[in-house]
Amino acid sequence: MKLRLWLSAEKLPSPPGKKVFGNNKLNAFAILSEIGDSGSVLGIKRHRLQTTEVVPQTSSPEWQAITEFEHRSHTEHRLSVDVFHSDVGPLRNESTITTTTTTRPTMTRRVSHRGVPTPEAAQQLCSLFFDVETILSQKDYFILEPIPGSQGGSVTVRLEVVKADVTDFAKSVLRFQLRGSNLGNVVRRGMPSYHFEVRRKHMGRTQEKWCLVYRSETVPSNSNPVWAMMIHGVALDTLCHNHDLDEWIQISIVDVSANWATLGTVETTVREFMERGSEMGPDTEKGLLVTNGKKQRKVGHLVVAQCEVIAPPTEEIPTTPRISLVAY
């Protein structure tokens, strides 16, 4: 069966020999790997599944990278999560990472970045191991693993079974563009720098959890931000786990300049979201109401400027050419 994985962390420790205070927080990314059956020279053989994006300026990152992998039921299947701090921001390419082994307990990885003339060192913050069968046996399909030696730090892995579906719905992708209208300020001084985050519910046996599926770029110093049209989009199969367009999604407006504080949220269905992107008129210009807190304080509007569903290309069945018999 195929599994889908979400990854997040809380209260990551500072890199060895470097204390992080105030706004100078961690730029964290993670490398998710499968543990092989046979050992390598270093004792553990790993197959890399994915390298996440760097989440800047926070010690409690939630990564948008959603990993899917195959798992055979009732068999041993182990995963490793290695979390790093980078001084220079997001990774551009997984192939730019090279590993050098040192005698120190913490491994140092040299990370190259496009546009950065001098490579910087990415320092390892923690390395944890998870068993897939153990996670699936939990009532809500997740495990929170404490980070040894940290003060309350932890890494959380959530799993769900991907529905086996070969229909066009499972293969379709949703692309959209959003813009904010008269968004308020989280803090009174300065201009906000906003990005938005899209979440959908991860369904456990006893509880639900909003999980991140997309994070936009940041528009600096603007209370009426216009975000770029998505390039790759979000798979409908990821956004609607039960393949139901009436499932709920949550869109959060986050001010990066205010220590990643959330200005407000919008909760809507995928169907309404798609209809908003295809409508024109005063209601569309008004947009979705963004509210904050239990009292639902109004903090602005979110307009769906564009929205489209890209269906998978249809496979054309080649036709047999007709053969004409010509008498000579």
Protein backbone atom coordinates (compact mmCIF):
# COMPACT_ATOMS: atom_id res chain seq x y z
CA MET A 1 0.00 0.00 0.00
CA LYS A 2 1.03 3.61 -0.49
CA LEU A 3 1.42 5.92 2.51
CA ARG A 4 1.49 9.72 2.76
CA LEU A 5 3.68 11.39 5.40
CA TRP A 6 3.65 14.80 7.12
CA LEU A 7 6.58 16.10 9.12
CA SER A 8 6.83 18.83 11.77
CA ALA A 9 8.97 19.75 14.78
CA GLU A 10 8.65 21.71 18.02
CA LYS A 11 11.32 23.60 19.98
CA LEU A 12 14.32 22.46 17.99
CA PRO A 13 17.61 22.84 19.87
CA SER A 14 20.24 25.36 18.82
CA PRO A 15 23.20 24.11 16.75
CA PRO A 16 26.20 22.94 18.79
CA GLY A 17 28.25 25.91 19.94
CA LYS A 18 25.68 28.44 18.71
CA LYS A 19 22.81 29.85 20.73
CA VAL A 20 19.86 31.26 18.80
CA PHE A 21 17.96 34.15 20.41
CA GLY A 22 15.26 36.63 19.44
CA ASN A 23 14.54 37.05 15.74
CA ASN A 24 17.73 35.21 14.76
CA LYS A 25 16.03 31.81 14.83
CA LEU A 26 16.66 28.55 13.05
CA ASN A 27 16.43 27.94 9.31
CA ALA A 28 15.47 24.28 9.53
CA PHE A 29 15.18 21.60 6.88
CA ALA A 30 14.92 17.82 7.17
CA ILE A 31 16.09 14.79 5.21
CA LEU A 32 13.72 11.81 5.27
CA SER A 33 15.20 8.40 4.46
CA GLU A 34 14.30 4.72 4.52
CA ILE A 35 16.56 2.36 6.47
CA GLY A 36 17.79 -0.54 4.34
CA ASP A 37 18.04 -4.18 5.42
CA SER A 38 21.80 -4.43 4.97
CA GLY A 39 24.33 -2.16 6.63
CA SER A 40 26.79 0.16 4.92
CA VAL A 41 30.34 1.07 5.87
CA LEU A 42 28.99 3.42 8.55
CA GLY A 43 26.63 0.73 9.89
CA ILE A 44 23.32 2.03 8.43
CA LYS A 45 22.24 2.00 4.80
CA ARG A 46 19.78 4.78 3.95
CA HIS A 47 17.71 5.49 0.87
CA ARG A 48 16.73 9.15 0.70
CA LEU A 49 13.03 9.75 0.12
CA GLN A 50 12.95 13.53 0.21
CA THR A 51 14.69 16.70 1.34
CA THR A 52 12.26 19.31 2.63
CA GLU A 53 12.33 23.02 1.98
CA VAL A 54 13.99 25.31 4.53
CA VAL A 55 11.48 26.94 6.89
CA PRO A 56 13.21 30.18 7.96
CA GLN A 57 13.24 32.06 11.25
CA THR A 58 11.47 29.52 13.47
CA SER A 59 12.43 26.76 15.90
CA SER A 60 9.07 24.98 15.42
CA PRO A 61 8.85 24.32 11.66
CA GLU A 62 6.04 22.61 9.80
CA TRP A 63 7.30 21.44 6.42
CA GLN A 64 5.04 21.49 3.38
CA ALA A 65 6.87 18.64 1.66
CA ILE A 66 4.47 15.68 1.57
CA THR A 67 6.21 12.37 0.97
CA GLU A 68 4.50 9.31 -0.51
CA PHE A 69 6.11 5.88 -0.39
CA GLU A 70 5.22 2.19 -0.65
CA HIS A 71 4.83 -0.04 2.42
CA ARG A 72 4.12 -3.75 2.78
CA SER A 73 1.81 -4.49 5.70
CA HIS A 74 3.14 -6.37 8.73
CA THR A 75 6.77 -6.02 7.68
CA GLU A 76 9.59 -4.11 9.34
CA HIS A 77 9.97 -0.70 7.75
CA ARG A 78 12.05 1.99 9.43
CA LEU A 79 12.47 5.67 8.60
CA SER A 80 15.11 8.17 9.67
CA VAL A 81 14.60 11.93 10.04
CA ASP A 82 17.69 14.16 10.11
CA VAL A 83 17.03 17.84 10.89
CA PHE A 84 19.55 20.56 10.00
CA HIS A 85 20.04 24.29 10.45
CA SER A 86 21.18 26.28 7.39
CA ASP A 87 22.68 29.77 7.63
CA VAL A 88 21.90 30.67 4.02
CA GLY A 89 18.25 29.78 3.47
CA PRO A 90 16.40 27.28 1.28
CA LEU A 91 17.97 24.39 -0.55
CA ARG A 92 17.67 24.73 -4.30
CA ASN A 93 18.64 21.22 -5.33
CA GLU A 94 19.05 17.97 -3.41
CA SER A 95 22.09 17.08 -5.51
CA THR A 96 24.00 20.02 -4.01
CA ILE A 97 24.29 18.23 -0.66
CA THR A 98 27.50 16.34 0.01
CA THR A 99 28.39 14.59 3.23
CA THR A 100 31.73 14.70 5.01
CA THR A 101 32.34 12.50 8.04
CA THR A 102 34.08 14.05 11.03
CA THR A 103 35.19 12.77 14.41
CA ARG A 104 32.71 15.08 16.13
CA PRO A 105 29.38 13.58 17.26
CA THR A 106 27.53 16.05 15.02
CA MET A 107 27.91 15.55 11.28
CA THR A 108 28.57 18.67 9.22
CA ARG A 109 27.12 18.89 5.73
CA ARG A 110 28.34 21.39 3.18
CA VAL A 111 25.40 22.89 1.34
CA SER A 112 25.77 24.74 -1.96
CA HIS A 113 23.19 27.34 -3.00
CA ARG A 114 22.68 29.05 -6.31
CA GLY A 115 23.50 32.73 -6.06
CA VAL A 116 25.61 32.25 -2.90
CA PRO A 117 29.33 32.58 -3.73
CA THR A 118 30.66 30.80 -0.63
CA PRO A 119 29.03 27.52 0.53
CA GLU A 120 27.90 27.55 4.15
CA ALA A 121 27.79 24.68 6.63
CA ALA A 122 24.45 23.12 7.53
CA GLN A 123 24.66 21.87 11.09
CA GLN A 124 22.77 18.79 12.22
CA LEU A 125 20.30 19.40 15.03
CA CYS A 126 19.00 15.87 15.60
CA SER A 127 18.64 12.41 14.07
CA LEU A 128 15.63 10.24 14.95
CA PHE A 129 14.26 6.86 13.84
CA PHE A 130 10.63 5.82 13.35
CA ASP A 131 8.96 2.46 12.69
CA VAL A 132 6.12 2.59 10.14
CA GLU A 133 4.11 -0.27 11.66
CA THR A 134 4.31 1.36 15.10
CA ILE A 135 2.93 4.64 13.72
CA LEU A 136 0.07 2.86 11.91
CA SER A 137 -0.84 1.04 15.14
CA GLN A 138 -1.43 4.36 16.95
CA LYS A 139 -5.06 5.41 17.26
CA ASP A 140 -4.45 8.70 15.41
CA TYR A 141 -1.63 7.50 13.11
CA PHE A 142 1.14 9.74 14.42
CA ILE A 143 4.11 9.59 16.78
CA LEU A 144 5.75 12.47 18.63
CA GLU A 145 9.38 11.56 19.29
CA PRO A 146 11.32 13.62 21.89
CA ILE A 147 14.72 14.98 20.87
CA PRO A 148 17.37 13.66 23.28
CA GLY A 149 19.15 16.37 25.24
CA SER A 150 16.71 19.15 24.26
CA GLN A 151 14.36 21.16 26.46
CA GLY A 152 10.98 19.88 25.31
CA GLY A 153 11.99 19.50 21.65
CA SER A 154 10.26 16.89 19.49
CA VAL A 155 9.67 15.70 15.92
CA THR A 156 6.23 14.49 14.80
CA VAL A 157 5.55 12.08 11.92
CA ARG A 158 1.97 11.59 10.67
CA LEU A 159 0.88 8.90 8.22
CA GLU A 160 -2.23 8.14 6.21
CA VAL A 161 -3.08 5.49 3.64
CA VAL A 162 -3.36 6.85 0.09
CA LYS A 163 -6.48 5.59 -1.63
CA ALA A 164 -5.77 3.32 -4.56
CA ASP A 165 -7.40 5.22 -7.40
CA VAL A 166 -6.49 5.54 -11.05
CA THR A 167 -9.30 7.94 -12.00
CA ASP A 168 -8.75 11.41 -13.43
CA PHE A 169 -9.63 12.94 -10.03
CA ALA A 170 -6.63 11.31 -8.36
CA LYS A 171 -4.33 12.52 -11.13
CA SER A 172 -5.72 16.07 -11.47
CA VAL A 173 -3.95 19.15 -10.08
CA LEU A 174 -5.47 22.37 -8.68
CA ARG A 175 -3.65 25.62 -9.54
CA PHE A 176 -4.74 29.01 -8.21
CA GLN A 177 -3.70 32.58 -7.48
CA LEU A 178 -4.74 34.56 -4.40
CA ARG A 179 -4.55 38.20 -3.41
CA GLY A 180 -5.26 39.93 -0.11
CA SER A 181 -7.50 42.95 0.31
CA ASN A 182 -7.08 45.42 3.20
CA LEU A 183 -5.33 42.92 5.45
CA GLY A 184 -4.70 44.22 8.95
CA ASN A 185 -1.41 44.26 10.84
CA VAL A 186 -0.38 41.70 13.42
CA VAL A 187 1.80 44.38 15.04
CA ARG A 188 1.06 48.10 14.88
CA ARG A 189 4.47 49.27 13.70
CA GLY A 190 5.96 48.57 10.29
CA MET A 191 4.52 47.05 7.13
CA PRO A 192 3.59 43.34 7.14
CA SER A 193 5.18 40.69 4.90
CA TYR A 194 2.57 38.01 4.26
CA HIS A 195 2.47 34.51 2.87
CA PHE A 196 -0.47 32.11 2.96
CA GLU A 197 -0.67 28.46 4.00
CA VAL A 198 -3.24 25.87 2.86
CA ARG A 199 -4.16 23.01 5.18
CA ARG A 200 -6.56 20.10 5.15
CA LYS A 201 -7.62 17.71 7.90
CA HIS A 202 -5.63 14.60 8.79
CA MET A 203 -8.23 12.15 10.07
CA GLY A 204 -7.31 9.96 13.02
CA ARG A 205 -9.53 7.52 14.86
CA THR A 206 -10.26 9.97 17.69
CA GLN A 207 -9.09 13.41 16.55
CA GLU A 208 -8.52 15.63 13.53
CA LYS A 209 -5.47 17.76 12.77
CA TRP A 210 -5.01 20.53 10.21
CA CYS A 211 -1.95 19.54 8.14
CA LEU A 212 0.00 21.76 5.76
CA VAL A 213 -0.24 20.99 2.03
CA TYR A 214 1.02 24.26 0.50
CA ARG A 215 2.92 27.41 1.52
CA SER A 216 3.20 30.39 -0.83
CA GLU A 217 6.06 32.80 -1.38
CA THR A 218 6.26 35.91 0.84
CA VAL A 219 5.16 39.31 -0.49
CA PRO A 220 7.18 41.90 1.47
CA SER A 221 5.81 45.14 2.98
CA ASN A 222 2.30 45.06 1.55
CA SER A 223 -1.15 44.91 3.18
CA ASN A 224 -2.73 44.15 -0.23
CA PRO A 225 -0.43 41.34 -1.38
CA VAL A 226 -0.79 39.65 -4.77
CA TRP A 227 0.78 36.22 -4.74
CA ALA A 228 2.05 34.59 -7.92
CA MET A 229 0.07 31.93 -9.74
CA MET A 230 1.09 28.48 -8.54
CA ILE A 231 3.52 26.71 -10.87
CA HIS A 232 2.97 23.06 -10.01
CA GLY A 233 -0.26 23.27 -8.01
CA VAL A 234 -1.64 20.84 -5.43
CA ALA A 235 -2.87 17.37 -6.35
CA LEU A 236 -6.61 17.01 -5.74
CA ASP A 237 -5.90 13.60 -4.25
CA THR A 238 -3.78 15.32 -1.57
CA LEU A 239 -6.24 18.15 -0.97
CA CYS A 240 -9.34 15.90 -0.85
CA HIS A 241 -8.41 12.64 0.86
CA ASN A 242 -11.88 11.14 0.35
CA HIS A 243 -12.12 12.52 -3.21
CA ASP A 244 -14.95 14.81 -2.12
CA LEU A 245 -14.89 18.45 -3.26
CA ASP A 246 -17.03 19.38 -0.24
CA GLU A 247 -14.18 18.57 2.17
CA TRP A 248 -12.98 21.53 4.23
CA ILE A 249 -9.69 23.35 3.77
CA GLN A 250 -8.14 26.11 5.87
CA ILE A 251 -6.15 29.08 4.52
CA SER A 252 -3.99 31.03 7.00
CA ILE A 253 -2.40 34.44 6.44
CA VAL A 254 1.01 34.55 8.15
CA ASP A 255 3.16 37.64 8.80
CA VAL A 256 6.80 36.58 8.47
CA SER A 257 8.03 39.97 9.74
CA ALA A 258 6.09 39.47 13.00
CA ASN A 259 7.79 36.22 14.01
CA TRP A 260 5.48 34.07 11.86
CA ALA A 261 2.35 35.28 13.65
CA THR A 262 -0.99 34.29 12.08
CA LEU A 263 -3.13 37.28 11.09
CA GLY A 264 -6.28 35.24 10.47
CA THR A 265 -7.77 32.21 8.76
CA VAL A 266 -10.43 31.26 6.22
CA GLU A 267 -12.25 27.93 6.26
CA THR A 268 -14.03 26.89 3.08
CA THR A 269 -14.67 23.84 0.94
CA VAL A 270 -12.64 22.91 -2.11
CA ARG A 271 -15.79 23.25 -4.24
CA GLU A 272 -16.53 26.80 -3.03
CA PHE A 273 -12.88 27.71 -3.50
CA MET A 274 -12.97 26.53 -7.12
CA GLU A 275 -16.27 28.33 -7.78
CA ARG A 276 -14.84 31.57 -6.39
CA GLY A 277 -12.03 31.36 -8.91
CA SER A 278 -14.44 30.99 -11.83
CA GLU A 279 -16.90 33.75 -10.84
CA MET A 280 -16.79 37.44 -11.67
CA GLY A 281 -18.59 40.31 -9.98
CA PRO A 282 -18.75 42.35 -6.74
CA ASP A 283 -18.96 39.27 -4.50
CA THR A 284 -15.77 37.94 -6.04
CA GLU A 285 -13.99 41.25 -5.50
CA LYS A 286 -15.08 41.23 -1.87
CA GLY A 287 -13.51 37.81 -1.45
CA LEU A 288 -13.47 35.36 1.42
CA LEU A 289 -13.64 36.94 4.87
CA VAL A 290 -10.46 36.50 6.95
CA THR A 291 -11.15 36.30 10.70
CA ASN A 292 -9.06 35.97 13.83
CA GLY A 293 -9.75 34.37 17.21
CA LYS A 294 -12.84 32.94 18.86
CA LYS A 295 -14.70 36.24 18.43
CA GLN A 296 -14.15 36.03 14.64
CA ARG A 297 -12.64 39.52 14.41
CA LYS A 298 -12.56 40.71 10.78
CA VAL A 299 -9.02 41.35 9.54
CA GLY A 300 -9.49 41.58 5.75
CA HIS A 301 -10.50 39.59 2.68
CA LEU A 302 -8.89 36.96 0.48
CA VAL A 303 -9.73 37.01 -3.23
CA VAL A 304 -9.37 33.96 -5.50
CA ALA A 305 -7.99 35.73 -8.58
CA GLN A 306 -7.53 32.58 -10.67
CA CYS A 307 -8.32 28.91 -10.21
CA GLU A 308 -8.10 25.99 -12.61
CA VAL A 309 -8.06 22.21 -12.52
CA ILE A 310 -5.51 20.57 -14.78
CA ALA A 311 -6.65 17.11 -15.80
CA PRO A 312 -4.12 14.44 -16.79
CA PRO A 313 -3.48 14.17 -20.52
CA THR A 314 -5.58 11.55 -22.24
CA GLU A 315 -3.71 8.69 -23.78
CA GLU A 316 -4.48 8.41 -27.45
CA ILE A 317 -4.89 4.90 -28.76
CA PRO A 318 -2.84 4.60 -31.94
CA THR A 319 -4.92 3.63 -34.92
CA THR A 320 -3.78 0.99 -37.36
CA PRO A 321 -2.97 2.63 -40.69
CA ARG A 322 -5.01 1.48 -43.62
CA ILE A 323 -3.11 -0.43 -46.27
CA SER A 324 -4.09 0.20 -49.83
CA LEU A 325 -3.43 -2.51 -52.37
CA VAL A 326 -2.40 -1.03 -55.65
CA ALA A 327 -2.18 -3.16 -58.76
CA TYR A 328 0.77 -2.44 -60.99
